[in-house]
Amino acid sequence: MPWQTEDGTLEAHFSKFGAVEEAQIMREKYTGKSRGFGFVTFAHTLDAVRAVGSEHQIDGRKCEAKFALPEGKVGSARTTR
């Protein structure tokens, strides 16, 4: 997402899909600069599903919405035996 995007802009955009509990842009610890991504928590799972299935343009830039995975987990949610 664009470096200039703020938490409020992120929340306003995703609130079109339902009640947003939290919207947070991730920032560098020491500089405070945006890391180019953020997290949105919806009050209802179906709202999150609708958001992930839609196209997004925030502050003039096309952005992708994905479900968050636990830290260290990359790829699909499928397990192998």
PDB file of N, CA and C in Angstrom:
ATOM      1  N   MET A   1       0.843  -1.169   0.000  1.00  0.00           N
ATOM      2  CA  MET A   1       0.000   0.000   0.000  1.00  0.00           C
ATOM      3  C   MET A   1       0.891   1.236   0.000  1.00  0.00           C
ATOM      4  N   PRO A   2       0.363   2.364  -0.407  1.00  0.00           N
ATOM      5  CA  PRO A   2       1.187   3.571  -0.492  1.00  0.00           C
ATOM      6  C   PRO A   2       1.794   3.959   0.860  1.00  0.00           C
ATOM      7  N   TRP A   3       3.009   4.495   0.798  1.00  0.00           N
ATOM      8  CA  TRP A   3       3.726   4.853   2.030  1.00  0.00           C
ATOM      9  C   TRP A   3       2.988   5.919   2.833  1.00  0.00           C
ATOM     10  N   GLN A   4       2.213   6.783   2.178  1.00  0.00           N
ATOM     11  CA  GLN A   4       1.551   7.882   2.884  1.00  0.00           C
ATOM     12  C   GLN A   4       0.224   7.477   3.540  1.00  0.00           C
ATOM     13  N   THR A   5      -0.253   6.266   3.291  1.00  0.00           N
ATOM     14  CA  THR A   5      -1.535   5.829   3.850  1.00  0.00           C
ATOM     15  C   THR A   5      -1.472   5.784   5.376  1.00  0.00           C
ATOM     16  N   GLU A   6      -2.503   6.327   6.008  1.00  0.00           N
ATOM     17  CA  GLU A   6      -2.609   6.376   7.471  1.00  0.00           C
ATOM     18  C   GLU A   6      -3.643   5.369   7.960  1.00  0.00           C
ATOM     19  N   ASP A   7      -3.623   5.085   9.257  1.00  0.00           N
ATOM     20  CA  ASP A   7      -4.560   4.131   9.861  1.00  0.00           C
ATOM     21  C   ASP A   7      -6.011   4.486   9.547  1.00  0.00           C
ATOM     22  N   GLY A   8      -6.358   5.759   9.653  1.00  0.00           N
ATOM     23  CA  GLY A   8      -7.734   6.198   9.419  1.00  0.00           C
ATOM     24  C   GLY A   8      -8.198   5.953   7.995  1.00  0.00           C
ATOM     25  N   THR A   9      -7.303   6.132   7.040  1.00  0.00           N
ATOM     26  CA  THR A   9      -7.632   5.877   5.634  1.00  0.00           C
ATOM     27  C   THR A   9      -7.889   4.394   5.416  1.00  0.00           C
ATOM     28  N   LEU A  10      -7.052   3.568   6.022  1.00  0.00           N
ATOM     29  CA  LEU A  10      -7.220   2.120   5.923  1.00  0.00           C
ATOM     30  C   LEU A  10      -8.563   1.701   6.520  1.00  0.00           C
ATOM     31  N   GLU A  11      -8.865   2.221   7.695  1.00  0.00           N
ATOM     32  CA  GLU A  11     -10.137   1.897   8.354  1.00  0.00           C
ATOM     33  C   GLU A  11     -11.326   2.371   7.523  1.00  0.00           C
ATOM     34  N   ALA A  12     -11.262   3.590   7.000  1.00  0.00           N
ATOM     35  CA  ALA A  12     -12.367   4.122   6.191  1.00  0.00           C
ATOM     36  C   ALA A  12     -12.600   3.266   4.952  1.00  0.00           C
ATOM     37  N   HIS A  13     -11.526   2.847   4.308  1.00  0.00           N
ATOM     38  CA  HIS A  13     -11.674   2.021   3.109  1.00  0.00           C
ATOM     39  C   HIS A  13     -12.346   0.684   3.436  1.00  0.00           C
ATOM     40  N   PHE A  14     -11.850  -0.014   4.442  1.00  0.00           N
ATOM     41  CA  PHE A  14     -12.366  -1.351   4.725  1.00  0.00           C
ATOM     42  C   PHE A  14     -13.698  -1.344   5.467  1.00  0.00           C
ATOM     43  N   SER A  15     -14.096  -0.214   6.034  1.00  0.00           N
ATOM     44  CA  SER A  15     -15.397  -0.151   6.710  1.00  0.00           C
ATOM     45  C   SER A  15     -16.541  -0.258   5.710  1.00  0.00           C
ATOM     46  N   LYS A  16     -16.243  -0.125   4.422  1.00  0.00           N
ATOM     47  CA  LYS A  16     -17.262  -0.336   3.375  1.00  0.00           C
ATOM     48  C   LYS A  16     -17.752  -1.779   3.381  1.00  0.00           C
ATOM     49  N   PHE A  17     -16.957  -2.683   3.936  1.00  0.00           N
ATOM     50  CA  PHE A  17     -17.284  -4.108   3.938  1.00  0.00           C
ATOM     51  C   PHE A  17     -17.936  -4.565   5.238  1.00  0.00           C
ATOM     52  N   GLY A  18     -17.903  -3.724   6.263  1.00  0.00           N
ATOM     53  CA  GLY A  18     -18.494  -4.080   7.551  1.00  0.00           C
ATOM     54  C   GLY A  18     -17.769  -3.390   8.695  1.00  0.00           C
ATOM     55  N   ALA A  19     -18.185  -3.716   9.910  1.00  0.00           N
ATOM     56  CA  ALA A  19     -17.622  -3.086  11.105  1.00  0.00           C
ATOM     57  C   ALA A  19     -16.155  -3.474  11.290  1.00  0.00           C
ATOM     58  N   VAL A  20     -15.288  -2.465  11.371  1.00  0.00           N
ATOM     59  CA  VAL A  20     -13.859  -2.676  11.569  1.00  0.00           C
ATOM     60  C   VAL A  20     -13.544  -2.462  13.045  1.00  0.00           C
ATOM     61  N   GLU A  21     -12.943  -3.457  13.669  1.00  0.00           N
ATOM     62  CA  GLU A  21     -12.540  -3.326  15.074  1.00  0.00           C
ATOM     63  C   GLU A  21     -11.215  -2.597  15.204  1.00  0.00           C
ATOM     64  N   GLU A  22     -10.288  -2.850  14.251  1.00  0.00           N
ATOM     65  CA  GLU A  22      -8.979  -2.218  14.289  1.00  0.00           C
ATOM     66  C   GLU A  22      -8.388  -2.186  12.889  1.00  0.00           C
ATOM     67  N   ALA A  23      -7.701  -1.088  12.575  1.00  0.00           N
ATOM     68  CA  ALA A  23      -6.958  -0.970  11.313  1.00  0.00           C
ATOM     69  C   ALA A  23      -5.626  -0.323  11.665  1.00  0.00           C
ATOM     70  N   GLN A  24      -4.541  -0.988  11.297  1.00  0.00           N
ATOM     71  CA  GLN A  24      -3.223  -0.507  11.696  1.00  0.00           C
ATOM     72  C   GLN A  24      -2.214  -0.692  10.569  1.00  0.00           C
ATOM     73  N   ILE A  25      -1.546   0.400  10.218  1.00  0.00           N
ATOM     74  CA  ILE A  25      -0.441   0.362   9.265  1.00  0.00           C
ATOM     75  C   ILE A  25       0.791  -0.070  10.053  1.00  0.00           C
ATOM     76  N   MET A  26       1.550  -0.995   9.517  1.00  0.00           N
ATOM     77  CA  MET A  26       2.764  -1.433  10.189  1.00  0.00           C
ATOM     78  C   MET A  26       3.892  -0.451   9.854  1.00  0.00           C
ATOM     79  N   ARG A  27       4.656  -0.057  10.886  1.00  0.00           N
ATOM     80  CA  ARG A  27       5.696   0.961  10.734  1.00  0.00           C
ATOM     81  C   ARG A  27       7.040   0.459  11.237  1.00  0.00           C
ATOM     82  N   GLU A  28       8.110   1.037  10.682  1.00  0.00           N
ATOM     83  CA  GLU A  28       9.469   0.741  11.150  1.00  0.00           C
ATOM     84  C   GLU A  28       9.574   1.184  12.603  1.00  0.00           C
ATOM     85  N   LYS A  29      10.220   0.375  13.399  1.00  0.00           N
ATOM     86  CA  LYS A  29      10.297   0.609  14.839  1.00  0.00           C
ATOM     87  C   LYS A  29      10.956   1.945  15.190  1.00  0.00           C
ATOM     88  N   TYR A  30      12.055   2.270  14.536  1.00  0.00           N
ATOM     89  CA  TYR A  30      12.827   3.454  14.926  1.00  0.00           C
ATOM     90  C   TYR A  30      12.508   4.692  14.108  1.00  0.00           C
ATOM     91  N   THR A  31      12.139   4.516  12.835  1.00  0.00           N
ATOM     92  CA  THR A  31      11.888   5.676  11.982  1.00  0.00           C
ATOM     93  C   THR A  31      10.417   6.062  11.923  1.00  0.00           C
ATOM     94  N   GLY A  32       9.529   5.111  12.203  1.00  0.00           N
ATOM     95  CA  GLY A  32       8.099   5.374  12.110  1.00  0.00           C
ATOM     96  C   GLY A  32       7.573   5.364  10.683  1.00  0.00           C
ATOM     97  N   LYS A  33       8.436   5.076   9.710  1.00  0.00           N
ATOM     98  CA  LYS A  33       8.002   5.023   8.319  1.00  0.00           C
ATOM     99  C   LYS A  33       7.161   3.769   8.078  1.00  0.00           C
ATOM    100  N   SER A  34       6.179   3.921   7.189  1.00  0.00           N
ATOM    101  CA  SER A  34       5.334   2.792   6.819  1.00  0.00           C
ATOM    102  C   SER A  34       6.165   1.675   6.212  1.00  0.00           C
ATOM    103  N   ARG A  35       5.787   0.443   6.518  1.00  0.00           N
ATOM    104  CA  ARG A  35       6.434  -0.733   5.919  1.00  0.00           C
ATOM    105  C   ARG A  35       5.687  -1.187   4.659  1.00  0.00           C
ATOM    106  N   GLY A  36       4.622  -0.473   4.298  1.00  0.00           N
ATOM    107  CA  GLY A  36       3.901  -0.769   3.064  1.00  0.00           C
ATOM    108  C   GLY A  36       2.792  -1.791   3.191  1.00  0.00           C
ATOM    109  N   PHE A  37       2.433  -2.154   4.431  1.00  0.00           N
ATOM    110  CA  PHE A  37       1.312  -3.068   4.634  1.00  0.00           C
ATOM    111  C   PHE A  37       0.682  -2.794   5.994  1.00  0.00           C
ATOM    112  N   GLY A  38      -0.484  -3.361   6.201  1.00  0.00           N
ATOM    113  CA  GLY A  38      -1.173  -3.166   7.471  1.00  0.00           C
ATOM    114  C   GLY A  38      -2.095  -4.336   7.752  1.00  0.00           C
ATOM    115  N   PHE A  39      -2.785  -4.237   8.879  1.00  0.00           N
ATOM    116  CA  PHE A  39      -3.720  -5.276   9.295  1.00  0.00           C
ATOM    117  C   PHE A  39      -5.068  -4.641   9.614  1.00  0.00           C
ATOM    118  N   VAL A  40      -6.121  -5.331   9.228  1.00  0.00           N
ATOM    119  CA  VAL A  40      -7.487  -4.892   9.522  1.00  0.00           C
ATOM    120  C   VAL A  40      -8.189  -6.038  10.226  1.00  0.00           C
ATOM    121  N   THR A  41      -8.842  -5.745  11.337  1.00  0.00           N
ATOM    122  CA  THR A  41      -9.622  -6.750  12.067  1.00  0.00           C
ATOM    123  C   THR A  41     -11.093  -6.376  11.946  1.00  0.00           C
ATOM    124  N   PHE A  42     -11.878  -7.292  11.399  1.00  0.00           N
ATOM    125  CA  PHE A  42     -13.320  -7.079  11.259  1.00  0.00           C
ATOM    126  C   PHE A  42     -14.061  -7.691  12.438  1.00  0.00           C
ATOM    127  N   ALA A  43     -15.207  -7.127  12.745  1.00  0.00           N
ATOM    128  CA  ALA A  43     -16.049  -7.649  13.817  1.00  0.00           C
ATOM    129  C   ALA A  43     -16.677  -8.986  13.406  1.00  0.00           C
ATOM    130  N   HIS A  44     -16.873  -9.175  12.109  1.00  0.00           N
ATOM    131  CA  HIS A  44     -17.543 -10.384  11.622  1.00  0.00           C
ATOM    132  C   HIS A  44     -16.716 -11.031  10.508  1.00  0.00           C
ATOM    133  N   THR A  45     -16.545 -12.330  10.569  1.00  0.00           N
ATOM    134  CA  THR A  45     -15.739 -13.074   9.611  1.00  0.00           C
ATOM    135  C   THR A  45     -16.234 -12.917   8.179  1.00  0.00           C
ATOM    136  N   LEU A  46     -17.536 -12.913   7.964  1.00  0.00           N
ATOM    137  CA  LEU A  46     -18.063 -12.800   6.601  1.00  0.00           C
ATOM    138  C   LEU A  46     -17.686 -11.472   5.953  1.00  0.00           C
ATOM    139  N   ASP A  47     -17.564 -10.414   6.748  1.00  0.00           N
ATOM    140  CA  ASP A  47     -17.124  -9.125   6.207  1.00  0.00           C
ATOM    141  C   ASP A  47     -15.679  -9.233   5.718  1.00  0.00           C
ATOM    142  N   ALA A  48     -14.853  -9.942   6.467  1.00  0.00           N
ATOM    143  CA  ALA A  48     -13.456 -10.149   6.061  1.00  0.00           C
ATOM    144  C   ALA A  48     -13.391 -10.977   4.780  1.00  0.00           C
ATOM    145  N   VAL A  49     -14.224 -11.973   4.664  1.00  0.00           N
ATOM    146  CA  VAL A  49     -14.267 -12.810   3.460  1.00  0.00           C
ATOM    147  C   VAL A  49     -14.633 -11.951   2.251  1.00  0.00           C
ATOM    148  N   ARG A  50     -15.621 -11.069   2.402  1.00  0.00           N
ATOM    149  CA  ARG A  50     -16.008 -10.176   1.304  1.00  0.00           C
ATOM    150  C   ARG A  50     -14.865  -9.235   0.938  1.00  0.00           C
ATOM    151  N   ALA A  51     -14.160  -8.726   1.936  1.00  0.00           N
ATOM    152  CA  ALA A  51     -13.050  -7.804   1.678  1.00  0.00           C
ATOM    153  C   ALA A  51     -11.918  -8.505   0.927  1.00  0.00           C
ATOM    154  N   VAL A  52     -11.593  -9.717   1.330  1.00  0.00           N
ATOM    155  CA  VAL A  52     -10.513 -10.467   0.680  1.00  0.00           C
ATOM    156  C   VAL A  52     -10.882 -10.803  -0.773  1.00  0.00           C
ATOM    157  N   GLY A  53     -12.155 -11.004  -1.027  1.00  0.00           N
ATOM    158  CA  GLY A  53     -12.606 -11.349  -2.372  1.00  0.00           C
ATOM    159  C   GLY A  53     -12.815 -10.162  -3.296  1.00  0.00           C
ATOM    160  N   SER A  54     -12.486  -8.961  -2.834  1.00  0.00           N
ATOM    161  CA  SER A  54     -12.711  -7.754  -3.626  1.00  0.00           C
ATOM    162  C   SER A  54     -11.401  -7.102  -4.033  1.00  0.00           C
ATOM    163  N   GLU A  55     -11.470  -6.240  -5.047  1.00  0.00           N
ATOM    164  CA  GLU A  55     -10.313  -5.451  -5.456  1.00  0.00           C
ATOM    165  C   GLU A  55     -10.286  -4.167  -4.640  1.00  0.00           C
ATOM    166  N   HIS A  56      -9.080  -3.660  -4.388  1.00  0.00           N
ATOM    167  CA  HIS A  56      -8.931  -2.469  -3.557  1.00  0.00           C
ATOM    168  C   HIS A  56      -7.985  -1.467  -4.187  1.00  0.00           C
ATOM    169  N   GLN A  57      -8.362  -0.198  -4.088  1.00  0.00           N
ATOM    170  CA  GLN A  57      -7.476   0.887  -4.480  1.00  0.00           C
ATOM    171  C   GLN A  57      -7.479   1.880  -3.326  1.00  0.00           C
ATOM    172  N   ILE A  58      -6.324   2.031  -2.700  1.00  0.00           N
ATOM    173  CA  ILE A  58      -6.190   2.898  -1.529  1.00  0.00           C
ATOM    174  C   ILE A  58      -5.171   3.979  -1.847  1.00  0.00           C
ATOM    175  N   ASP A  59      -5.566   5.231  -1.654  1.00  0.00           N
ATOM    176  CA  ASP A  59      -4.697   6.373  -1.956  1.00  0.00           C
ATOM    177  C   ASP A  59      -4.102   6.274  -3.356  1.00  0.00           C
ATOM    178  N   GLY A  60      -4.921   5.820  -4.323  1.00  0.00           N
ATOM    179  CA  GLY A  60      -4.508   5.778  -5.706  1.00  0.00           C
ATOM    180  C   GLY A  60      -3.690   4.569  -6.124  1.00  0.00           C
ATOM    181  N   ARG A  61      -3.517   3.629  -5.240  1.00  0.00           N
ATOM    182  CA  ARG A  61      -2.704   2.454  -5.570  1.00  0.00           C
ATOM    183  C   ARG A  61      -3.515   1.172  -5.361  1.00  0.00           C
ATOM    184  N   LYS A  62      -3.405   0.253  -6.311  1.00  0.00           N
ATOM    185  CA  LYS A  62      -4.080  -1.035  -6.194  1.00  0.00           C
ATOM    186  C   LYS A  62      -3.427  -1.837  -5.068  1.00  0.00           C
ATOM    187  N   CYS A  63      -4.239  -2.393  -4.191  1.00  0.00           N
ATOM    188  CA  CYS A  63      -3.746  -3.146  -3.029  1.00  0.00           C
ATOM    189  C   CYS A  63      -4.449  -4.495  -2.964  1.00  0.00           C
ATOM    190  N   GLU A  64      -3.772  -5.454  -2.381  1.00  0.00           N
ATOM    191  CA  GLU A  64      -4.316  -6.808  -2.232  1.00  0.00           C
ATOM    192  C   GLU A  64      -4.639  -7.064  -0.764  1.00  0.00           C
ATOM    193  N   ALA A  65      -5.798  -7.644  -0.520  1.00  0.00           N
ATOM    194  CA  ALA A  65      -6.180  -8.038   0.840  1.00  0.00           C
ATOM    195  C   ALA A  65      -6.026  -9.549   0.967  1.00  0.00           C
ATOM    196  N   LYS A  66      -5.419  -9.983   2.061  1.00  0.00           N
ATOM    197  CA  LYS A  66      -5.205 -11.411   2.323  1.00  0.00           C
ATOM    198  C   LYS A  66      -5.562 -11.692   3.779  1.00  0.00           C
ATOM    199  N   PHE A  67      -5.829 -12.945   4.081  1.00  0.00           N
ATOM    200  CA  PHE A  67      -5.990 -13.344   5.475  1.00  0.00           C
ATOM    201  C   PHE A  67      -4.612 -13.449   6.103  1.00  0.00           C
ATOM    202  N   ALA A  68      -4.484 -12.985   7.320  1.00  0.00           N
ATOM    203  CA  ALA A  68      -3.204 -13.062   8.031  1.00  0.00           C
ATOM    204  C   ALA A  68      -2.957 -14.496   8.479  1.00  0.00           C
ATOM    205  N   LEU A  69      -1.702 -14.906   8.401  1.00  0.00           N
ATOM    206  CA  LEU A  69      -1.279 -16.218   8.892  1.00  0.00           C
ATOM    207  C   LEU A  69      -0.425 -16.010  10.133  1.00  0.00           C
ATOM    208  N   PRO A  70      -0.399 -16.970  11.037  1.00  0.00           N
ATOM    209  CA  PRO A  70       0.463 -16.847  12.215  1.00  0.00           C
ATOM    210  C   PRO A  70       1.913 -16.611  11.791  1.00  0.00           C
ATOM    211  N   GLU A  71       2.637 -15.860  12.566  1.00  0.00           N
ATOM    212  CA  GLU A  71       4.021 -15.535  12.243  1.00  0.00           C
ATOM    213  C   GLU A  71       4.831 -16.799  11.968  1.00  0.00           C
ATOM    214  N   GLY A  72       5.607 -16.766  10.894  1.00  0.00           N
ATOM    215  CA  GLY A  72       6.429 -17.912  10.525  1.00  0.00           C
ATOM    216  C   GLY A  72       5.734 -18.894   9.608  1.00  0.00           C
ATOM    217  N   LYS A  73       4.445 -18.724   9.373  1.00  0.00           N
ATOM    218  CA  LYS A  73       3.691 -19.614   8.489  1.00  0.00           C
ATOM    219  C   LYS A  73       3.533 -18.936   7.135  1.00  0.00           C
ATOM    220  N   VAL A  74       4.055 -19.564   6.086  1.00  0.00           N
ATOM    221  CA  VAL A  74       3.980 -19.014   4.745  1.00  0.00           C
ATOM    222  C   VAL A  74       3.333 -20.037   3.838  1.00  0.00           C
ATOM    223  N   GLY A  75       2.568 -19.576   2.849  1.00  0.00           N
ATOM    224  CA  GLY A  75       1.951 -20.484   1.886  1.00  0.00           C
ATOM    225  C   GLY A  75       0.513 -20.766   2.243  1.00  0.00           C
ATOM    226  N   SER A  76       0.024 -21.889   1.777  1.00  0.00           N
ATOM    227  CA  SER A  76      -1.381 -22.223   1.979  1.00  0.00           C
ATOM    228  C   SER A  76      -1.607 -22.745   3.397  1.00  0.00           C
ATOM    229  N   ALA A  77      -2.869 -22.821   3.738  1.00  0.00           N
ATOM    230  CA  ALA A  77      -3.262 -23.312   5.058  1.00  0.00           C
ATOM    231  C   ALA A  77      -3.288 -24.835   5.093  1.00  0.00           C
ATOM    232  N   ARG A  78      -2.984 -25.485   3.957  1.00  0.00           N
ATOM    233  CA  ARG A  78      -2.994 -26.931   3.870  1.00  0.00           C
ATOM    234  C   ARG A  78      -1.898 -27.566   4.720  1.00  0.00           C
ATOM    235  N   THR A  79      -2.176 -28.686   5.294  1.00  0.00           N
ATOM    236  CA  THR A  79      -1.151 -29.398   6.065  1.00  0.00           C
ATOM    237  C   THR A  79      -0.724 -30.632   5.304  1.00  0.00           C
ATOM    238  N   THR A  80       0.478 -31.098   5.576  1.00  0.00           N
ATOM    239  CA  THR A  80       0.954 -32.315   4.926  1.00  0.00           C
ATOM    240  C   THR A  80       1.209 -33.374   6.000  1.00  0.00           C
ATOM    241  N   ARG A  81       1.149 -34.616   5.585  1.00  0.00           N
ATOM    242  CA  ARG A  81       1.356 -35.708   6.535  1.00  0.00           C
ATOM    243  C   ARG A  81       2.584 -36.458   6.184  1.00  0.00           C
TER     244      ARG A  81
END
